[in-house]
Amino acid sequence: MYHSEDYKSLKKRMLELFDNPTTVVADRSGRSQPTVTKFFKQVSIRHSSWLSIYEACIELVEEQETRLKQLYEKSSKLIKKEDSVHSKEQ
């Protein structure tokens, strides 16, 4: 479970996207913070707990990635509008 590249990548991304991933994942998964901490520290936990925490992490990363993509698109549109306004002024 903990040795897969998917787990390692997911853990790294969670730490990049969230200031306190333990709290966010505990809220989403319904597992206790100590259990989620064990997940991130790669300590053995029940398989059902591991799966629900892993699933919560995937959902949270997906939501953040979608949000970031929307913000980038919005920013890009605003920059294009500004560029077109500036080019018309010149």
PDB file of N, CA and C in Angstrom:
ATOM      1  N   MET A   1       0.823  -1.195   0.000  1.00  0.00           N
ATOM      2  CA  MET A   1       0.000   0.000   0.000  1.00  0.00           C
ATOM      3  C   MET A   1       0.868   1.260   0.000  1.00  0.00           C
ATOM      4  N   TYR A   2       1.756   1.379   0.965  1.00  0.00           N
ATOM      5  CA  TYR A   2       2.543   2.600   1.100  1.00  0.00           C
ATOM      6  C   TYR A   2       3.708   2.678   0.120  1.00  0.00           C
ATOM      7  N   HIS A   3       4.031   1.579  -0.514  1.00  0.00           N
ATOM      8  CA  HIS A   3       5.210   1.553  -1.368  1.00  0.00           C
ATOM      9  C   HIS A   3       4.902   1.891  -2.820  1.00  0.00           C
ATOM     10  N   SER A   4       3.643   2.014  -3.148  1.00  0.00           N
ATOM     11  CA  SER A   4       3.299   2.298  -4.536  1.00  0.00           C
ATOM     12  C   SER A   4       3.650   3.739  -4.889  1.00  0.00           C
ATOM     13  N   GLU A   5       3.982   3.943  -6.144  1.00  0.00           N
ATOM     14  CA  GLU A   5       4.298   5.293  -6.626  1.00  0.00           C
ATOM     15  C   GLU A   5       3.069   6.194  -6.555  1.00  0.00           C
ATOM     16  N   ASP A   6       1.886   5.604  -6.747  1.00  0.00           N
ATOM     17  CA  ASP A   6       0.653   6.387  -6.662  1.00  0.00           C
ATOM     18  C   ASP A   6       0.501   7.003  -5.276  1.00  0.00           C
ATOM     19  N   TYR A   7       0.735   6.198  -4.252  1.00  0.00           N
ATOM     20  CA  TYR A   7       0.622   6.698  -2.876  1.00  0.00           C
ATOM     21  C   TYR A   7       1.621   7.827  -2.638  1.00  0.00           C
ATOM     22  N   LYS A   8       2.851   7.614  -3.051  1.00  0.00           N
ATOM     23  CA  LYS A   8       3.889   8.618  -2.820  1.00  0.00           C
ATOM     24  C   LYS A   8       3.564   9.925  -3.541  1.00  0.00           C
ATOM     25  N   SER A   9       3.099   9.826  -4.762  1.00  0.00           N
ATOM     26  CA  SER A   9       2.729  11.026  -5.529  1.00  0.00           C
ATOM     27  C   SER A   9       1.540  11.734  -4.897  1.00  0.00           C
ATOM     28  N   LEU A  10       0.567  10.949  -4.457  1.00  0.00           N
ATOM     29  CA  LEU A  10      -0.628  11.521  -3.836  1.00  0.00           C
ATOM     30  C   LEU A  10      -0.269  12.230  -2.529  1.00  0.00           C
ATOM     31  N   LYS A  11       0.552  11.601  -1.724  1.00  0.00           N
ATOM     32  CA  LYS A  11       0.984  12.205  -0.460  1.00  0.00           C
ATOM     33  C   LYS A  11       1.717  13.515  -0.725  1.00  0.00           C
ATOM     34  N   LYS A  12       2.616  13.510  -1.681  1.00  0.00           N
ATOM     35  CA  LYS A  12       3.369  14.718  -2.025  1.00  0.00           C
ATOM     36  C   LYS A  12       2.430  15.833  -2.485  1.00  0.00           C
ATOM     37  N   ARG A  13       1.462  15.488  -3.317  1.00  0.00           N
ATOM     38  CA  ARG A  13       0.527  16.499  -3.841  1.00  0.00           C
ATOM     39  C   ARG A  13      -0.354  17.059  -2.726  1.00  0.00           C
ATOM     40  N   MET A  14      -0.781  16.210  -1.811  1.00  0.00           N
ATOM     41  CA  MET A  14      -1.585  16.673  -0.673  1.00  0.00           C
ATOM     42  C   MET A  14      -0.795  17.691   0.154  1.00  0.00           C
ATOM     43  N   LEU A  15       0.466  17.409   0.380  1.00  0.00           N
ATOM     44  CA  LEU A  15       1.297  18.310   1.171  1.00  0.00           C
ATOM     45  C   LEU A  15       1.547  19.628   0.443  1.00  0.00           C
ATOM     46  N   GLU A  16       1.543  19.596  -0.880  1.00  0.00           N
ATOM     47  CA  GLU A  16       1.707  20.823  -1.666  1.00  0.00           C
ATOM     48  C   GLU A  16       0.435  21.670  -1.669  1.00  0.00           C
ATOM     49  N   LEU A  17      -0.710  21.021  -1.741  1.00  0.00           N
ATOM     50  CA  LEU A  17      -1.974  21.735  -1.923  1.00  0.00           C
ATOM     51  C   LEU A  17      -2.626  22.218  -0.630  1.00  0.00           C
ATOM     52  N   PHE A  18      -2.342  21.557   0.479  1.00  0.00           N
ATOM     53  CA  PHE A  18      -3.040  21.866   1.725  1.00  0.00           C
ATOM     54  C   PHE A  18      -2.058  22.220   2.836  1.00  0.00           C
ATOM     55  N   ASP A  19      -2.403  23.261   3.586  1.00  0.00           N
ATOM     56  CA  ASP A  19      -1.572  23.662   4.723  1.00  0.00           C
ATOM     57  C   ASP A  19      -1.601  22.607   5.823  1.00  0.00           C
ATOM     58  N   ASN A  20      -2.781  22.039   6.060  1.00  0.00           N
ATOM     59  CA  ASN A  20      -2.938  21.015   7.090  1.00  0.00           C
ATOM     60  C   ASN A  20      -3.765  19.866   6.514  1.00  0.00           C
ATOM     61  N   PRO A  21      -3.138  19.014   5.714  1.00  0.00           N
ATOM     62  CA  PRO A  21      -3.903  17.950   5.057  1.00  0.00           C
ATOM     63  C   PRO A  21      -4.549  16.961   6.023  1.00  0.00           C
ATOM     64  N   THR A  22      -3.957  16.778   7.191  1.00  0.00           N
ATOM     65  CA  THR A  22      -4.507  15.821   8.152  1.00  0.00           C
ATOM     66  C   THR A  22      -5.929  16.200   8.553  1.00  0.00           C
ATOM     67  N   THR A  23      -6.143  17.454   8.864  1.00  0.00           N
ATOM     68  CA  THR A  23      -7.468  17.922   9.282  1.00  0.00           C
ATOM     69  C   THR A  23      -8.476  17.810   8.151  1.00  0.00           C
ATOM     70  N   VAL A  24      -8.068  18.245   6.969  1.00  0.00           N
ATOM     71  CA  VAL A  24      -8.966  18.221   5.809  1.00  0.00           C
ATOM     72  C   VAL A  24      -9.364  16.788   5.468  1.00  0.00           C
ATOM     73  N   VAL A  25      -8.390  15.895   5.466  1.00  0.00           N
ATOM     74  CA  VAL A  25      -8.659  14.489   5.131  1.00  0.00           C
ATOM     75  C   VAL A  25      -9.497  13.827   6.219  1.00  0.00           C
ATOM     76  N   ALA A  26      -9.229  14.131   7.472  1.00  0.00           N
ATOM     77  CA  ALA A  26     -10.029  13.561   8.568  1.00  0.00           C
ATOM     78  C   ALA A  26     -11.487  13.983   8.431  1.00  0.00           C
ATOM     79  N   ASP A  27     -11.713  15.257   8.123  1.00  0.00           N
ATOM     80  CA  ASP A  27     -13.087  15.739   7.934  1.00  0.00           C
ATOM     81  C   ASP A  27     -13.766  15.035   6.769  1.00  0.00           C
ATOM     82  N   ARG A  28     -13.041  14.888   5.660  1.00  0.00           N
ATOM     83  CA  ARG A  28     -13.630  14.294   4.460  1.00  0.00           C
ATOM     84  C   ARG A  28     -13.856  12.796   4.614  1.00  0.00           C
ATOM     85  N   SER A  29     -12.898  12.105   5.207  1.00  0.00           N
ATOM     86  CA  SER A  29     -12.961  10.639   5.272  1.00  0.00           C
ATOM     87  C   SER A  29     -13.766  10.114   6.453  1.00  0.00           C
ATOM     88  N   GLY A  30     -13.952  10.959   7.471  1.00  0.00           N
ATOM     89  CA  GLY A  30     -14.641  10.500   8.671  1.00  0.00           C
ATOM     90  C   GLY A  30     -13.742   9.706   9.604  1.00  0.00           C
ATOM     91  N   ARG A  31     -12.455   9.670   9.309  1.00  0.00           N
ATOM     92  CA  ARG A  31     -11.484   8.971  10.168  1.00  0.00           C
ATOM     93  C   ARG A  31     -10.870   9.967  11.141  1.00  0.00           C
ATOM     94  N   SER A  32     -10.326   9.471  12.215  1.00  0.00           N
ATOM     95  CA  SER A  32      -9.740  10.363  13.223  1.00  0.00           C
ATOM     96  C   SER A  32      -8.424  10.956  12.716  1.00  0.00           C
ATOM     97  N   GLN A  33      -8.066  12.094  13.285  1.00  0.00           N
ATOM     98  CA  GLN A  33      -6.802  12.724  12.902  1.00  0.00           C
ATOM     99  C   GLN A  33      -5.593  11.830  13.208  1.00  0.00           C
ATOM    100  N   PRO A  34      -5.579  11.126  14.343  1.00  0.00           N
ATOM    101  CA  PRO A  34      -4.450  10.217  14.573  1.00  0.00           C
ATOM    102  C   PRO A  34      -4.328   9.127  13.495  1.00  0.00           C
ATOM    103  N   THR A  35      -5.462   8.624  13.026  1.00  0.00           N
ATOM    104  CA  THR A  35      -5.428   7.608  11.969  1.00  0.00           C
ATOM    105  C   THR A  35      -4.910   8.206  10.672  1.00  0.00           C
ATOM    106  N   VAL A  36      -5.359   9.414  10.351  1.00  0.00           N
ATOM    107  CA  VAL A  36      -4.895  10.081   9.129  1.00  0.00           C
ATOM    108  C   VAL A  36      -3.401  10.393   9.239  1.00  0.00           C
ATOM    109  N   THR A  37      -2.961  10.792  10.413  1.00  0.00           N
ATOM    110  CA  THR A  37      -1.533  11.045  10.630  1.00  0.00           C
ATOM    111  C   THR A  37      -0.728   9.774  10.382  1.00  0.00           C
ATOM    112  N   LYS A  38      -1.230   8.647  10.853  1.00  0.00           N
ATOM    113  CA  LYS A  38      -0.556   7.366  10.605  1.00  0.00           C
ATOM    114  C   LYS A  38      -0.478   7.086   9.112  1.00  0.00           C
ATOM    115  N   PHE A  39      -1.544   7.398   8.395  1.00  0.00           N
ATOM    116  CA  PHE A  39      -1.562   7.219   6.940  1.00  0.00           C
ATOM    117  C   PHE A  39      -0.418   8.009   6.298  1.00  0.00           C
ATOM    118  N   PHE A  40      -0.279   9.279   6.677  1.00  0.00           N
ATOM    119  CA  PHE A  40       0.756  10.121   6.085  1.00  0.00           C
ATOM    120  C   PHE A  40       2.163   9.734   6.543  1.00  0.00           C
ATOM    121  N   LYS A  41       2.266   9.134   7.732  1.00  0.00           N
ATOM    122  CA  LYS A  41       3.572   8.694   8.234  1.00  0.00           C
ATOM    123  C   LYS A  41       3.870   7.243   7.849  1.00  0.00           C
ATOM    124  N   GLN A  42       2.982   6.656   7.082  1.00  0.00           N
ATOM    125  CA  GLN A  42       3.124   5.291   6.569  1.00  0.00           C
ATOM    126  C   GLN A  42       3.174   4.241   7.675  1.00  0.00           C
ATOM    127  N   VAL A  43       2.379   4.476   8.715  1.00  0.00           N
ATOM    128  CA  VAL A  43       2.245   3.510   9.803  1.00  0.00           C
ATOM    129  C   VAL A  43       1.059   2.611   9.470  1.00  0.00           C
ATOM    130  N   SER A  44       1.143   1.363   9.823  1.00  0.00           N
ATOM    131  CA  SER A  44       0.089   0.403   9.510  1.00  0.00           C
ATOM    132  C   SER A  44      -1.248   0.793  10.154  1.00  0.00           C
ATOM    133  N   ILE A  45      -2.304   0.785   9.328  1.00  0.00           N
ATOM    134  CA  ILE A  45      -3.675   1.026   9.798  1.00  0.00           C
ATOM    135  C   ILE A  45      -4.577   0.005   9.119  1.00  0.00           C
ATOM    136  N   ARG A  46      -5.823  -0.070   9.577  1.00  0.00           N
ATOM    137  CA  ARG A  46      -6.771  -1.006   8.966  1.00  0.00           C
ATOM    138  C   ARG A  46      -6.928  -0.698   7.481  1.00  0.00           C
ATOM    139  N   HIS A  47      -7.116  -1.761   6.722  1.00  0.00           N
ATOM    140  CA  HIS A  47      -7.245  -1.609   5.275  1.00  0.00           C
ATOM    141  C   HIS A  47      -8.432  -0.716   4.913  1.00  0.00           C
ATOM    142  N   SER A  48      -9.545  -0.873   5.605  1.00  0.00           N
ATOM    143  CA  SER A  48     -10.729  -0.056   5.302  1.00  0.00           C
ATOM    144  C   SER A  48     -10.458   1.425   5.587  1.00  0.00           C
ATOM    145  N   SER A  49      -9.708   1.705   6.632  1.00  0.00           N
ATOM    146  CA  SER A  49      -9.337   3.093   6.941  1.00  0.00           C
ATOM    147  C   SER A  49      -8.404   3.639   5.868  1.00  0.00           C
ATOM    148  N   TRP A  50      -7.435   2.821   5.474  1.00  0.00           N
ATOM    149  CA  TRP A  50      -6.486   3.233   4.450  1.00  0.00           C
ATOM    150  C   TRP A  50      -7.220   3.588   3.164  1.00  0.00           C
ATOM    151  N   LEU A  51      -8.177   2.740   2.775  1.00  0.00           N
ATOM    152  CA  LEU A  51      -8.922   2.989   1.536  1.00  0.00           C
ATOM    153  C   LEU A  51      -9.758   4.262   1.610  1.00  0.00           C
ATOM    154  N   SER A  52     -10.436   4.480   2.730  1.00  0.00           N
ATOM    155  CA  SER A  52     -11.278   5.679   2.825  1.00  0.00           C
ATOM    156  C   SER A  52     -10.429   6.951   2.866  1.00  0.00           C
ATOM    157  N   ILE A  53      -9.279   6.891   3.485  1.00  0.00           N
ATOM    158  CA  ILE A  53      -8.382   8.053   3.517  1.00  0.00           C
ATOM    159  C   ILE A  53      -7.791   8.294   2.130  1.00  0.00           C
ATOM    160  N   TYR A  54      -7.374   7.244   1.474  1.00  0.00           N
ATOM    161  CA  TYR A  54      -6.816   7.347   0.121  1.00  0.00           C
ATOM    162  C   TYR A  54      -7.849   7.946  -0.831  1.00  0.00           C
ATOM    163  N   GLU A  55      -9.082   7.467  -0.738  1.00  0.00           N
ATOM    164  CA  GLU A  55     -10.164   7.985  -1.573  1.00  0.00           C
ATOM    165  C   GLU A  55     -10.420   9.469  -1.285  1.00  0.00           C
ATOM    166  N   ALA A  56     -10.423   9.843  -0.019  1.00  0.00           N
ATOM    167  CA  ALA A  56     -10.620  11.252   0.354  1.00  0.00           C
ATOM    168  C   ALA A  56      -9.497  12.116  -0.217  1.00  0.00           C
ATOM    169  N   CYS A  57      -8.280  11.626  -0.159  1.00  0.00           N
ATOM    170  CA  CYS A  57      -7.146  12.373  -0.713  1.00  0.00           C
ATOM    171  C   CYS A  57      -7.310  12.585  -2.215  1.00  0.00           C
ATOM    172  N   ILE A  58      -7.709  11.543  -2.914  1.00  0.00           N
ATOM    173  CA  ILE A  58      -7.903  11.655  -4.362  1.00  0.00           C
ATOM    174  C   ILE A  58      -8.981  12.682  -4.673  1.00  0.00           C
ATOM    175  N   GLU A  59     -10.092  12.621  -3.957  1.00  0.00           N
ATOM    176  CA  GLU A  59     -11.183  13.579  -4.180  1.00  0.00           C
ATOM    177  C   GLU A  59     -10.728  15.010  -3.908  1.00  0.00           C
ATOM    178  N   LEU A  60      -9.995  15.202  -2.829  1.00  0.00           N
ATOM    179  CA  LEU A  60      -9.536  16.543  -2.463  1.00  0.00           C
ATOM    180  C   LEU A  60      -8.546  17.103  -3.486  1.00  0.00           C
ATOM    181  N   VAL A  61      -7.632  16.275  -3.940  1.00  0.00           N
ATOM    182  CA  VAL A  61      -6.678  16.723  -4.957  1.00  0.00           C
ATOM    183  C   VAL A  61      -7.415  17.065  -6.247  1.00  0.00           C
ATOM    184  N   GLU A  62      -8.355  16.214  -6.621  1.00  0.00           N
ATOM    185  CA  GLU A  62      -9.137  16.460  -7.835  1.00  0.00           C
ATOM    186  C   GLU A  62      -9.884  17.796  -7.739  1.00  0.00           C
ATOM    187  N   GLU A  63     -10.497  18.060  -6.599  1.00  0.00           N
ATOM    188  CA  GLU A  63     -11.216  19.326  -6.398  1.00  0.00           C
ATOM    189  C   GLU A  63     -10.274  20.521  -6.482  1.00  0.00           C
ATOM    190  N   GLN A  64      -9.118  20.412  -5.844  1.00  0.00           N
ATOM    191  CA  GLN A  64      -8.157  21.516  -5.871  1.00  0.00           C
ATOM    192  C   GLN A  64      -7.608  21.741  -7.277  1.00  0.00           C
ATOM    193  N   GLU A  65      -7.326  20.646  -7.984  1.00  0.00           N
ATOM    194  CA  GLU A  65      -6.810  20.767  -9.350  1.00  0.00           C
ATOM    195  C   GLU A  65      -7.845  21.424 -10.257  1.00  0.00           C
ATOM    196  N   THR A  66      -9.104  21.054 -10.104  1.00  0.00           N
ATOM    197  CA  THR A  66     -10.183  21.661 -10.884  1.00  0.00           C
ATOM    198  C   THR A  66     -10.290  23.141 -10.565  1.00  0.00           C
ATOM    199  N   ARG A  67     -10.218  23.462  -9.302  1.00  0.00           N
ATOM    200  CA  ARG A  67     -10.294  24.868  -8.876  1.00  0.00           C
ATOM    201  C   ARG A  67      -9.123  25.675  -9.440  1.00  0.00           C
ATOM    202  N   LEU A  68      -7.917  25.107  -9.368  1.00  0.00           N
ATOM    203  CA  LEU A  68      -6.748  25.789  -9.914  1.00  0.00           C
ATOM    204  C   LEU A  68      -6.876  25.996 -11.419  1.00  0.00           C
ATOM    205  N   LYS A  69      -7.360  24.987 -12.110  1.00  0.00           N
ATOM    206  CA  LYS A  69      -7.540  25.090 -13.562  1.00  0.00           C
ATOM    207  C   LYS A  69      -8.522  26.212 -13.892  1.00  0.00           C
ATOM    208  N   GLN A  70      -9.620  26.288 -13.151  1.00  0.00           N
ATOM    209  CA  GLN A  70     -10.609  27.345 -13.377  1.00  0.00           C
ATOM    210  C   GLN A  70     -10.003  28.723 -13.122  1.00  0.00           C
ATOM    211  N   LEU A  71      -9.203  28.837 -12.083  1.00  0.00           N
ATOM    212  CA  LEU A  71      -8.559  30.117 -11.782  1.00  0.00           C
ATOM    213  C   LEU A  71      -7.565  30.508 -12.874  1.00  0.00           C
ATOM    214  N   TYR A  72      -6.801  29.541 -13.378  1.00  0.00           N
ATOM    215  CA  TYR A  72      -5.856  29.825 -14.460  1.00  0.00           C
ATOM    216  C   TYR A  72      -6.591  30.285 -15.715  1.00  0.00           C
ATOM    217  N   GLU A  73      -7.696  29.597 -16.024  1.00  0.00           N
ATOM    218  CA  GLU A  73      -8.481  29.978 -17.198  1.00  0.00           C
ATOM    219  C   GLU A  73      -9.054  31.383 -17.038  1.00  0.00           C
ATOM    220  N   LYS A  74      -9.568  31.676 -15.867  1.00  0.00           N
ATOM    221  CA  LYS A  74     -10.124  32.998 -15.590  1.00  0.00           C
ATOM    222  C   LYS A  74      -9.034  34.067 -15.699  1.00  0.00           C
ATOM    223  N   SER A  75      -7.902  33.786 -15.123  1.00  0.00           N
ATOM    224  CA  SER A  75      -6.770  34.705 -15.177  1.00  0.00           C
ATOM    225  C   SER A  75      -6.319  34.931 -16.617  1.00  0.00           C
ATOM    226  N   SER A  76      -6.254  33.866 -17.371  1.00  0.00           N
ATOM    227  CA  SER A  76      -5.847  33.958 -18.770  1.00  0.00           C
ATOM    228  C   SER A  76      -6.802  34.838 -19.567  1.00  0.00           C
ATOM    229  N   LYS A  77      -8.096  34.684 -19.334  1.00  0.00           N
ATOM    230  CA  LYS A  77      -9.093  35.506 -20.024  1.00  0.00           C
ATOM    231  C   LYS A  77      -8.930  36.976 -19.658  1.00  0.00           C
ATOM    232  N   LEU A  78      -8.703  37.248 -18.387  1.00  0.00           N
ATOM    233  CA  LEU A  78      -8.522  38.629 -17.943  1.00  0.00           C
ATOM    234  C   LEU A  78      -7.271  39.251 -18.553  1.00  0.00           C
ATOM    235  N   ILE A  79      -6.206  38.488 -18.615  1.00  0.00           N
ATOM    236  CA  ILE A  79      -4.961  38.990 -19.194  1.00  0.00           C
ATOM    237  C   ILE A  79      -5.143  39.270 -20.681  1.00  0.00           C
ATOM    238  N   LYS A  80      -5.845  38.391 -21.383  1.00  0.00           N
ATOM    239  CA  LYS A  80      -6.101  38.603 -22.810  1.00  0.00           C
ATOM    240  C   LYS A  80      -6.935  39.861 -23.021  1.00  0.00           C
ATOM    241  N   LYS A  81      -7.929  40.074 -22.156  1.00  0.00           N
ATOM    242  CA  LYS A  81      -8.759  41.276 -22.264  1.00  0.00           C
ATOM    243  C   LYS A  81      -7.912  42.525 -22.045  1.00  0.00           C
ATOM    244  N   GLU A  82      -7.047  42.478 -21.043  1.00  0.00           N
ATOM    245  CA  GLU A  82      -6.173  43.620 -20.764  1.00  0.00           C
ATOM    246  C   GLU A  82      -5.248  43.892 -21.938  1.00  0.00           C
ATOM    247  N   ASP A  83      -4.682  42.829 -22.504  1.00  0.00           N
ATOM    248  CA  ASP A  83      -3.781  42.981 -23.638  1.00  0.00           C
ATOM    249  C   ASP A  83      -4.499  43.602 -24.834  1.00  0.00           C
ATOM    250  N   SER A  84      -5.731  43.158 -25.081  1.00  0.00           N
ATOM    251  CA  SER A  84      -6.474  43.700 -26.221  1.00  0.00           C
ATOM    252  C   SER A  84      -6.856  45.159 -25.978  1.00  0.00           C
ATOM    253  N   VAL A  85      -7.166  45.523 -24.750  1.00  0.00           N
ATOM    254  CA  VAL A  85      -7.490  46.913 -24.412  1.00  0.00           C
ATOM    255  C   VAL A  85      -6.251  47.789 -24.600  1.00  0.00           C
ATOM    256  N   HIS A  86      -5.098  47.305 -24.142  1.00  0.00           N
ATOM    257  CA  HIS A  86      -3.859  48.068 -24.274  1.00  0.00           C
ATOM    258  C   HIS A  86      -3.446  48.211 -25.737  1.00  0.00           C
ATOM    259  N   SER A  87      -3.643  47.188 -26.529  1.00  0.00           N
ATOM    260  CA  SER A  87      -3.269  47.268 -27.943  1.00  0.00           C
ATOM    261  C   SER A  87      -4.189  48.217 -28.704  1.00  0.00           C
ATOM    262  N   LYS A  88      -5.457  48.306 -28.312  1.00  0.00           N
ATOM    263  CA  LYS A  88      -6.391  49.240 -28.945  1.00  0.00           C
ATOM    264  C   LYS A  88      -6.043  50.682 -28.591  1.00  0.00           C
ATOM    265  N   GLU A  89      -5.522  50.886 -27.386  1.00  0.00           N
ATOM    266  CA  GLU A  89      -5.164  52.228 -26.935  1.00  0.00           C
ATOM    267  C   GLU A  89      -3.941  52.753 -27.671  1.00  0.00           C
ATOM    268  N   GLN A  90      -3.089  51.853 -28.109  1.00  0.00           N
ATOM    269  CA  GLN A  90      -1.845  52.264 -28.774  1.00  0.00           C
ATOM    270  C   GLN A  90      -2.110  52.506 -30.195  1.00  0.00           C
TER     271      GLN A  90
END
